[in-house]
PDB file of N, CA and C in Angstrom:
ATOM      1  N   MET A   1      64.060 -22.616  90.216  1.00  0.00           N
ATOM      2  CA  MET A   1      64.694 -23.630  90.696  1.00  0.00           C
ATOM      3  C   MET A   1      64.310 -24.951  90.844  1.00  0.00           C
ATOM      4  N   PHE A   2      62.867 -24.686  91.687  1.00  0.00           N
ATOM      5  CA  PHE A   2      62.032 -26.327  91.528  1.00  0.00           C
ATOM      6  C   PHE A   2      61.434 -26.671  90.219  1.00  0.00           C
ATOM      7  N   LEU A   3      61.041 -25.631  89.386  1.00  0.00           N
ATOM      8  CA  LEU A   3      60.253 -25.884  87.952  1.00  0.00           C
ATOM      9  C   LEU A   3      61.460 -26.600  87.314  1.00  0.00           C
ATOM     10  N   GLU A   4      62.824 -26.134  87.276  1.00  0.00           N
ATOM     11  CA  GLU A   4      63.705 -26.984  86.590  1.00  0.00           C
ATOM     12  C   GLU A   4      63.908 -28.464  87.158  1.00  0.00           C
ATOM     13  N   GLU A   5      64.107 -28.658  88.194  1.00  0.00           N
ATOM     14  CA  GLU A   5      64.002 -29.989  88.825  1.00  0.00           C
ATOM     15  C   GLU A   5      63.027 -31.017  88.449  1.00  0.00           C
ATOM     16  N   ASN A   6      61.983 -30.221  88.474  1.00  0.00           N
ATOM     17  CA  ASN A   6      60.525 -30.742  88.289  1.00  0.00           C
ATOM     18  C   ASN A   6      60.892 -31.451  86.602  1.00  0.00           C
ATOM     19  N   ILE A   7      61.219 -30.362  85.680  1.00  0.00           N
ATOM     20  CA  ILE A   7      61.188 -30.815  84.379  1.00  0.00           C
ATOM     21  C   ILE A   7      62.437 -31.688  84.115  1.00  0.00           C
ATOM     22  N   ARG A   8      63.773 -31.611  84.980  1.00  0.00           N
ATOM     23  CA  ARG A   8      64.504 -32.569  84.678  1.00  0.00           C
ATOM     24  C   ARG A   8      64.098 -34.236  85.193  1.00  0.00           C
ATOM     25  N   SER A   9      63.484 -34.120  86.386  1.00  0.00           N
ATOM     26  CA  SER A   9      62.576 -35.488  86.660  1.00  0.00           C
ATOM     27  C   SER A   9      61.834 -35.786  85.494  1.00  0.00           C
ATOM     28  N   HIS A  10      60.914 -34.877  85.139  1.00  0.00           N
ATOM     29  CA  HIS A  10      59.933 -35.642  83.792  1.00  0.00           C
ATOM     30  C   HIS A  10      60.975 -36.043  82.879  1.00  0.00           C
ATOM     31  N   GLU A  11      61.854 -35.368  82.340  1.00  0.00           N
ATOM     32  CA  GLU A  11      62.840 -35.794  81.055  1.00  0.00           C
ATOM     33  C   GLU A  11      63.192 -37.115  81.758  1.00  0.00           C
ATOM     34  N   GLU A  12      63.692 -37.452  82.675  1.00  0.00           N
ATOM     35  CA  GLU A  12      64.408 -38.787  83.429  1.00  0.00           C
ATOM     36  C   GLU A  12      63.375 -40.019  83.587  1.00  0.00           C
ATOM     37  N   ASN A  13      61.880 -39.288  83.651  1.00  0.00           N
ATOM     38  CA  ASN A  13      60.798 -40.547  83.564  1.00  0.00           C
ATOM     39  C   ASN A  13      60.629 -40.955  82.271  1.00  0.00           C
ATOM     40  N   VAL A  14      60.940 -39.920  81.179  1.00  0.00           N
ATOM     41  CA  VAL A  14      60.804 -40.179  79.650  1.00  0.00           C
ATOM     42  C   VAL A  14      61.692 -40.951  79.281  1.00  0.00           C
ATOM     43  N   ARG A  15      62.987 -40.863  79.775  1.00  0.00           N
ATOM     44  CA  ARG A  15      64.221 -41.691  79.529  1.00  0.00           C
ATOM     45  C   ARG A  15      63.936 -42.826  79.999  1.00  0.00           C
ATOM     46  N   GLN A  16      63.665 -43.205  81.223  1.00  0.00           N
ATOM     47  CA  GLN A  16      63.460 -44.460  81.895  1.00  0.00           C
ATOM     48  C   GLN A  16      62.031 -45.360  81.022  1.00  0.00           C
ATOM     49  N   SER A  17      61.298 -44.712  80.717  1.00  0.00           N
ATOM     50  CA  SER A  17      60.153 -45.241  80.293  1.00  0.00           C
ATOM     51  C   SER A  17      60.465 -45.667  78.509  1.00  0.00           C
ATOM     52  N   ASP A  18      61.195 -44.889  78.301  1.00  0.00           N
ATOM     53  CA  ASP A  18      61.702 -45.294  76.567  1.00  0.00           C
ATOM     54  C   ASP A  18      62.871 -46.481  76.726  1.00  0.00           C
ATOM     55  N   SER A  19      63.379 -46.507  77.954  1.00  0.00           N
ATOM     56  CA  SER A  19      64.339 -47.802  78.433  1.00  0.00           C
ATOM     57  C   SER A  19      63.348 -48.977  78.365  1.00  0.00           C
ATOM     58  N   ILE A  20      62.381 -48.663  79.170  1.00  0.00           N
ATOM     59  CA  ILE A  20      61.650 -50.201  79.709  1.00  0.00           C
ATOM     60  C   ILE A  20      61.045 -50.458  78.160  1.00  0.00           C
ATOM     61  N   ALA A  21      60.354 -49.421  77.664  1.00  0.00           N
ATOM     62  CA  ALA A  21      59.597 -49.725  76.170  1.00  0.00           C
ATOM     63  C   ALA A  21      60.572 -50.756  75.428  1.00  0.00           C
ATOM     64  N   ASN A  22      61.837 -50.213  75.095  1.00  0.00           N
ATOM     65  CA  ASN A  22      62.646 -50.869  74.512  1.00  0.00           C
ATOM     66  C   ASN A  22      63.225 -51.970  75.209  1.00  0.00           C
ATOM     67  N   LEU A  23      63.329 -52.562  76.230  1.00  0.00           N
ATOM     68  CA  LEU A  23      63.649 -53.621  77.107  1.00  0.00           C
ATOM     69  C   LEU A  23      62.188 -54.758  76.660  1.00  0.00           C
ATOM     70  N   VAL A  24      60.906 -54.188  76.688  1.00  0.00           N
ATOM     71  CA  VAL A  24      59.798 -54.626  76.544  1.00  0.00           C
ATOM     72  C   VAL A  24      59.897 -55.425  74.987  1.00  0.00           C
ATOM     73  N   ARG A  25      60.109 -54.343  74.129  1.00  0.00           N
ATOM     74  CA  ARG A  25      60.578 -54.945  72.822  1.00  0.00           C
ATOM     75  C   ARG A  25      61.276 -55.945  72.166  1.00  0.00           C
ATOM     76  N   GLU A  26      62.339 -55.501  73.007  1.00  0.00           N
ATOM     77  CA  GLU A  26      63.277 -56.658  72.979  1.00  0.00           C
ATOM     78  C   GLU A  26      62.942 -58.059  73.569  1.00  0.00           C
ATOM     79  N   LYS A  27      62.377 -58.125  74.657  1.00  0.00           N
ATOM     80  CA  LYS A  27      61.961 -59.479  75.294  1.00  0.00           C
ATOM     81  C   LYS A  27      60.699 -60.054  74.484  1.00  0.00           C
ATOM     82  N   VAL A  28      59.760 -59.432  74.112  1.00  0.00           N
ATOM     83  CA  VAL A  28      58.837 -59.820  73.243  1.00  0.00           C
ATOM     84  C   VAL A  28      59.397 -60.499  71.708  1.00  0.00           C
ATOM     85  N   THR A  29      60.187 -59.921  71.601  1.00  0.00           N
ATOM     86  CA  THR A  29      61.160 -60.381  70.005  1.00  0.00           C
ATOM     87  C   THR A  29      61.570 -61.850  70.410  1.00  0.00           C
ATOM     88  N   LYS A  30      62.244 -61.730  71.464  1.00  0.00           N
ATOM     89  CA  LYS A  30      63.078 -62.982  71.775  1.00  0.00           C
ATOM     90  C   LYS A  30      61.947 -64.364  72.138  1.00  0.00           C
ATOM     91  N   LEU A  31      60.997 -63.880  72.677  1.00  0.00           N
ATOM     92  CA  LEU A  31      59.827 -64.550  72.925  1.00  0.00           C
ATOM     93  C   LEU A  31      59.104 -65.333  71.705  1.00  0.00           C
ATOM     94  N   ILE A  32      58.808 -64.333  70.678  1.00  0.00           N
ATOM     95  CA  ILE A  32      58.092 -64.517  69.304  1.00  0.00           C
ATOM     96  C   ILE A  32      59.151 -65.773  68.707  1.00  0.00           C
ATOM     97  N   GLU A  33      60.584 -65.306  68.719  1.00  0.00           N
ATOM     98  CA  GLU A  33      61.406 -66.423  68.152  1.00  0.00           C
ATOM     99  C   GLU A  33      61.790 -67.581  68.739  1.00  0.00           C
ATOM    100  N   LYS A  34      61.270 -67.780  70.045  1.00  0.00           N
ATOM    101  CA  LYS A  34      60.975 -68.984  70.430  1.00  0.00           C
ATOM    102  C   LYS A  34      60.053 -69.857  69.993  1.00  0.00           C
ATOM    103  N   ILE A  35      59.139 -68.908  70.258  1.00  0.00           N
ATOM    104  CA  ILE A  35      58.011 -69.533  69.804  1.00  0.00           C
ATOM    105  C   ILE A  35      57.625 -70.172  68.292  1.00  0.00           C
ATOM    106  N   LYS A  36      58.210 -69.178  67.342  1.00  0.00           N
ATOM    107  CA  LYS A  36      58.341 -69.511  66.097  1.00  0.00           C
ATOM    108  C   LYS A  36      59.493 -70.937  65.965  1.00  0.00           C
ATOM    109  N   ASP A  37      60.583 -71.113  66.810  1.00  0.00           N
ATOM    110  CA  ASP A  37      61.461 -72.230  66.841  1.00  0.00           C
ATOM    111  C   ASP A  37      60.541 -73.362  67.119  1.00  0.00           C
ATOM    112  N   GLU A  38      59.665 -73.228  68.183  1.00  0.00           N
ATOM    113  CA  GLU A  38      59.061 -74.374  68.870  1.00  0.00           C
ATOM    114  C   GLU A  38      58.352 -74.827  67.663  1.00  0.00           C
ATOM    115  N   GLU A  39      57.184 -73.916  67.402  1.00  0.00           N
ATOM    116  CA  GLU A  39      56.515 -74.272  66.000  1.00  0.00           C
ATOM    117  C   GLU A  39      56.791 -75.072  64.664  1.00  0.00           C
ATOM    118  N   LYS A  40      58.257 -74.538  64.265  1.00  0.00           N
ATOM    119  CA  LYS A  40      58.821 -75.672  63.456  1.00  0.00           C
ATOM    120  C   LYS A  40      59.232 -76.710  63.698  1.00  0.00           C
ATOM    121  N   LYS A  41      59.597 -77.033  64.950  1.00  0.00           N
ATOM    122  CA  LYS A  41      59.806 -78.257  65.799  1.00  0.00           C
ATOM    123  C   LYS A  41      58.860 -79.043  65.370  1.00  0.00           C
ATOM    124  N   LEU A  42      57.657 -78.475  66.158  1.00  0.00           N
ATOM    125  CA  LEU A  42      56.601 -79.215  66.245  1.00  0.00           C
ATOM    126  C   LEU A  42      55.954 -79.709  64.812  1.00  0.00           C
ATOM    127  N   LEU A  43      55.975 -78.609  63.631  1.00  0.00           N
ATOM    128  CA  LEU A  43      55.291 -79.175  62.317  1.00  0.00           C
ATOM    129  C   LEU A  43      56.411 -80.196  61.655  1.00  0.00           C
ATOM    130  N   CYS A  44      57.582 -79.851  62.160  1.00  0.00           N
ATOM    131  CA  CYS A  44      58.546 -81.274  61.428  1.00  0.00           C
ATOM    132  C   CYS A  44      58.053 -82.527  62.195  1.00  0.00           C
ATOM    133  N   ASN A  45      57.847 -82.503  63.396  1.00  0.00           N
ATOM    134  CA  ASN A  45      57.711 -83.886  63.901  1.00  0.00           C
ATOM    135  C   ASN A  45      56.167 -84.322  63.465  1.00  0.00           C
ATOM    136  N   ILE A  46      55.285 -83.480  63.291  1.00  0.00           N
ATOM    137  CA  ILE A  46      53.986 -83.801  62.883  1.00  0.00           C
ATOM    138  C   ILE A  46      54.193 -84.412  61.252  1.00  0.00           C
ATOM    139  N   HIS A  47      54.911 -83.572  60.378  1.00  0.00           N
ATOM    140  CA  HIS A  47      55.238 -83.814  58.897  1.00  0.00           C
ATOM    141  C   HIS A  47      56.049 -85.729  59.299  1.00  0.00           C
ATOM    142  N   GLU A  48      56.999 -85.506  60.241  1.00  0.00           N
ATOM    143  CA  GLU A  48      57.283 -86.936  60.112  1.00  0.00           C
ATOM    144  C   GLU A  48      56.608 -87.907  60.754  1.00  0.00           C
ATOM    145  N   PHE A  49      55.747 -87.531  61.399  1.00  0.00           N
ATOM    146  CA  PHE A  49      54.767 -88.649  61.963  1.00  0.00           C
ATOM    147  C   PHE A  49      53.690 -88.763  61.054  1.00  0.00           C
ATOM    148  N   ASN A  50      53.373 -87.770  60.203  1.00  0.00           N
ATOM    149  CA  ASN A  50      52.306 -87.950  59.007  1.00  0.00           C
ATOM    150  C   ASN A  50      53.161 -88.846  57.946  1.00  0.00           C
ATOM    151  N   ASN A  51      54.418 -88.960  57.402  1.00  0.00           N
ATOM    152  CA  ASN A  51      55.175 -89.844  56.684  1.00  0.00           C
ATOM    153  C   ASN A  51      55.319 -91.176  57.033  1.00  0.00           C
ATOM    154  N   THR A  52      55.449 -91.617  58.586  1.00  0.00           N
ATOM    155  CA  THR A  52      55.224 -92.754  59.026  1.00  0.00           C
ATOM    156  C   THR A  52      54.063 -93.214  58.790  1.00  0.00           C
ATOM    157  N   GLU A  53      53.418 -92.614  59.383  1.00  0.00           N
ATOM    158  CA  GLU A  53      51.651 -93.364  59.238  1.00  0.00           C
ATOM    159  C   GLU A  53      51.218 -93.679  57.705  1.00  0.00           C
ATOM    160  N   ARG A  54      51.777 -92.856  56.747  1.00  0.00           N
ATOM    161  CA  ARG A  54      51.388 -92.962  55.191  1.00  0.00           C
ATOM    162  C   ARG A  54      52.284 -94.430  55.027  1.00  0.00           C
ATOM    163  N   ARG A  55      53.547 -94.253  55.408  1.00  0.00           N
ATOM    164  CA  ARG A  55      54.407 -95.887  55.000  1.00  0.00           C
ATOM    165  C   ARG A  55      53.708 -97.145  55.688  1.00  0.00           C
ATOM    166  N   LEU A  56      53.018 -96.454  57.091  1.00  0.00           N
ATOM    167  CA  LEU A  56      52.534 -97.615  57.638  1.00  0.00           C
ATOM    168  C   LEU A  56      51.518 -98.495  56.791  1.00  0.00           C
ATOM    169  N   ILE A  57      50.685 -97.543  56.286  1.00  0.00           N
ATOM    170  CA  ILE A  57      49.458 -97.668  55.978  1.00  0.00           C
ATOM    171  C   ILE A  57      49.689 -98.204  54.447  1.00  0.00           C
ATOM    172  N   LYS A  58      50.683 -97.840  53.775  1.00  0.00           N
ATOM    173  CA  LYS A  58      50.848 -98.556  52.635  1.00  0.00           C
ATOM    174  C   LYS A  58      51.540-100.103  52.800  1.00  0.00           C
ATOM    175  N   GLU A  59      52.510-100.132  53.749  1.00  0.00           N
ATOM    176  CA  GLU A  59      52.707-101.540  54.046  1.00  0.00           C
ATOM    177  C   GLU A  59      51.760-102.439  54.448  1.00  0.00           C
ATOM    178  N   LYS A  60      50.729-102.099  55.120  1.00  0.00           N
ATOM    179  CA  LYS A  60      49.774-102.871  55.639  1.00  0.00           C
ATOM    180  C   LYS A  60      48.837-103.261  54.348  1.00  0.00           C
ATOM    181  N   SER A  61      48.611-102.272  53.736  1.00  0.00           N
ATOM    182  CA  SER A  61      47.775-102.286  52.660  1.00  0.00           C
ATOM    183  C   SER A  61      48.520-103.761  51.754  1.00  0.00           C
ATOM    184  N   ASN A  62      49.806-103.514  51.696  1.00  0.00           N
ATOM    185  CA  ASN A  62      50.572-104.526  50.917  1.00  0.00           C
ATOM    186  C   ASN A  62      50.575-105.976  51.351  1.00  0.00           C
ATOM    187  N   ARG A  63      50.643-106.100  52.668  1.00  0.00           N
ATOM    188  CA  ARG A  63      50.336-106.978  53.394  1.00  0.00           C
ATOM    189  C   ARG A  63      49.057-107.817  53.120  1.00  0.00           C
ATOM    190  N   LEU A  64      47.993-106.913  53.184  1.00  0.00           N
ATOM    191  CA  LEU A  64      46.327-107.257  53.361  1.00  0.00           C
ATOM    192  C   LEU A  64      46.491-107.890  51.488  1.00  0.00           C
ATOM    193  N   ARG A  65      46.817-107.119  50.791  1.00  0.00           N
ATOM    194  CA  ARG A  65      46.611-107.717  49.470  1.00  0.00           C
ATOM    195  C   ARG A  65      47.322-108.746  49.152  1.00  0.00           C
ATOM    196  N   ASP A  66      48.464-109.170  49.440  1.00  0.00           N
ATOM    197  CA  ASP A  66      49.419-110.349  49.663  1.00  0.00           C
ATOM    198  C   ASP A  66      48.664-111.380  50.428  1.00  0.00           C
ATOM    199  N   LEU A  67      47.963-111.056  51.221  1.00  0.00           N
ATOM    200  CA  LEU A  67      47.329-112.128  52.243  1.00  0.00           C
ATOM    201  C   LEU A  67      45.964-112.589  51.509  1.00  0.00           C
ATOM    202  N   LYS A  68      45.602-111.685  50.533  1.00  0.00           N
ATOM    203  CA  LYS A  68      44.377-111.936  49.799  1.00  0.00           C
ATOM    204  C   LYS A  68      44.553-112.736  48.868  1.00  0.00           C
ATOM    205  N   THR A  69      45.545-112.808  48.280  1.00  0.00           N
ATOM    206  CA  THR A  69      46.173-113.799  47.149  1.00  0.00           C
ATOM    207  C   THR A  69      46.816-114.775  47.532  1.00  0.00           C
ATOM    208  N   ILE A  70      47.165-115.164  48.733  1.00  0.00           N
ATOM    209  CA  ILE A  70      47.583-116.311  49.610  1.00  0.00           C
ATOM    210  C   ILE A  70      46.302-117.017  49.688  1.00  0.00           C
ATOM    211  N   GLU A  71      45.097-116.501  50.194  1.00  0.00           N
ATOM    212  CA  GLU A  71      44.069-116.840  50.622  1.00  0.00           C
ATOM    213  C   GLU A  71      43.274-117.463  49.183  1.00  0.00           C
ATOM    214  N   GLN A  72      43.251-116.499  48.303  1.00  0.00           N
ATOM    215  CA  GLN A  72      42.737-117.056  47.123  1.00  0.00           C
ATOM    216  C   GLN A  72      43.287-118.352  46.401  1.00  0.00           C
ATOM    217  N   PHE A  73      44.817-118.418  46.577  1.00  0.00           N
ATOM    218  CA  PHE A  73      45.328-119.395  46.055  1.00  0.00           C
ATOM    219  C   PHE A  73      45.252-120.463  46.754  1.00  0.00           C
ATOM    220  N   CYS A  74      45.459-120.573  47.881  1.00  0.00           N
ATOM    221  CA  CYS A  74      44.661-121.730  48.853  1.00  0.00           C
ATOM    222  C   CYS A  74      43.183-122.154  48.620  1.00  0.00           C
ATOM    223  N   LEU A  75      42.248-121.365  48.499  1.00  0.00           N
ATOM    224  CA  LEU A  75      40.756-121.677  48.203  1.00  0.00           C
ATOM    225  C   LEU A  75      40.905-122.238  46.624  1.00  0.00           C
ATOM    226  N   THR A  76      41.600-122.141  46.000  1.00  0.00           N
ATOM    227  CA  THR A  76      41.877-122.656  44.309  1.00  0.00           C
ATOM    228  C   THR A  76      42.388-123.949  44.344  1.00  0.00           C
ATOM    229  N   SER A  77      43.571-123.973  45.275  1.00  0.00           N
ATOM    230  CA  SER A  77      44.137-125.133  45.550  1.00  0.00           C
ATOM    231  C   SER A  77      43.388-126.384  46.013  1.00  0.00           C
ATOM    232  N   GLN A  78      42.687-125.797  46.972  1.00  0.00           N
ATOM    233  CA  GLN A  78      41.809-126.749  47.854  1.00  0.00           C
ATOM    234  C   GLN A  78      40.547-127.291  46.869  1.00  0.00           C
ATOM    235  N   GLU A  79      39.999-126.399  46.081  1.00  0.00           N
ATOM    236  CA  GLU A  79      39.037-126.808  45.320  1.00  0.00           C
ATOM    237  C   GLU A  79      39.632-127.842  44.429  1.00  0.00           C
ATOM    238  N   LYS A  80      40.795-127.631  43.544  1.00  0.00           N
ATOM    239  CA  LYS A  80      41.353-128.222  42.732  1.00  0.00           C
ATOM    240  C   LYS A  80      41.588-129.924  43.394  1.00  0.00           C
ATOM    241  N   LEU A  81      42.132-129.640  44.713  1.00  0.00           N
ATOM    242  CA  LEU A  81      42.408-130.981  45.404  1.00  0.00           C
ATOM    243  C   LEU A  81      40.912-131.787  45.749  1.00  0.00           C
ATOM    244  N   ASN A  82      40.008-131.418  46.082  1.00  0.00           N
ATOM    245  CA  ASN A  82      38.773-131.876  46.112  1.00  0.00           C
ATOM    246  C   ASN A  82      38.125-132.200  44.978  1.00  0.00           C
ATOM    247  N   ARG A  83      38.598-132.275  43.962  1.00  0.00           N
ATOM    248  CA  ARG A  83      38.038-132.901  42.429  1.00  0.00           C
ATOM    249  C   ARG A  83      38.087-133.839  42.062  1.00  0.00           C
TER     250      ARG A  83
END
């Protein structure tokens, strides 16, 4: 009788440990999904930031080019006026 109870106790322990293992797998899977979602958000933000920076570089380069053109025009005009 004692051995039968002992065996049942061990069987219950196995069932509980299987249940705990499944719970751990489920929790870890959910955490991994959350981490992947956050990774996607962060990568999207970085991509957006990168695009904005590239656009700003292009705009500022165009402004600089325009300023150089204006400067050259002013210098040329000044030279012609001084003749």
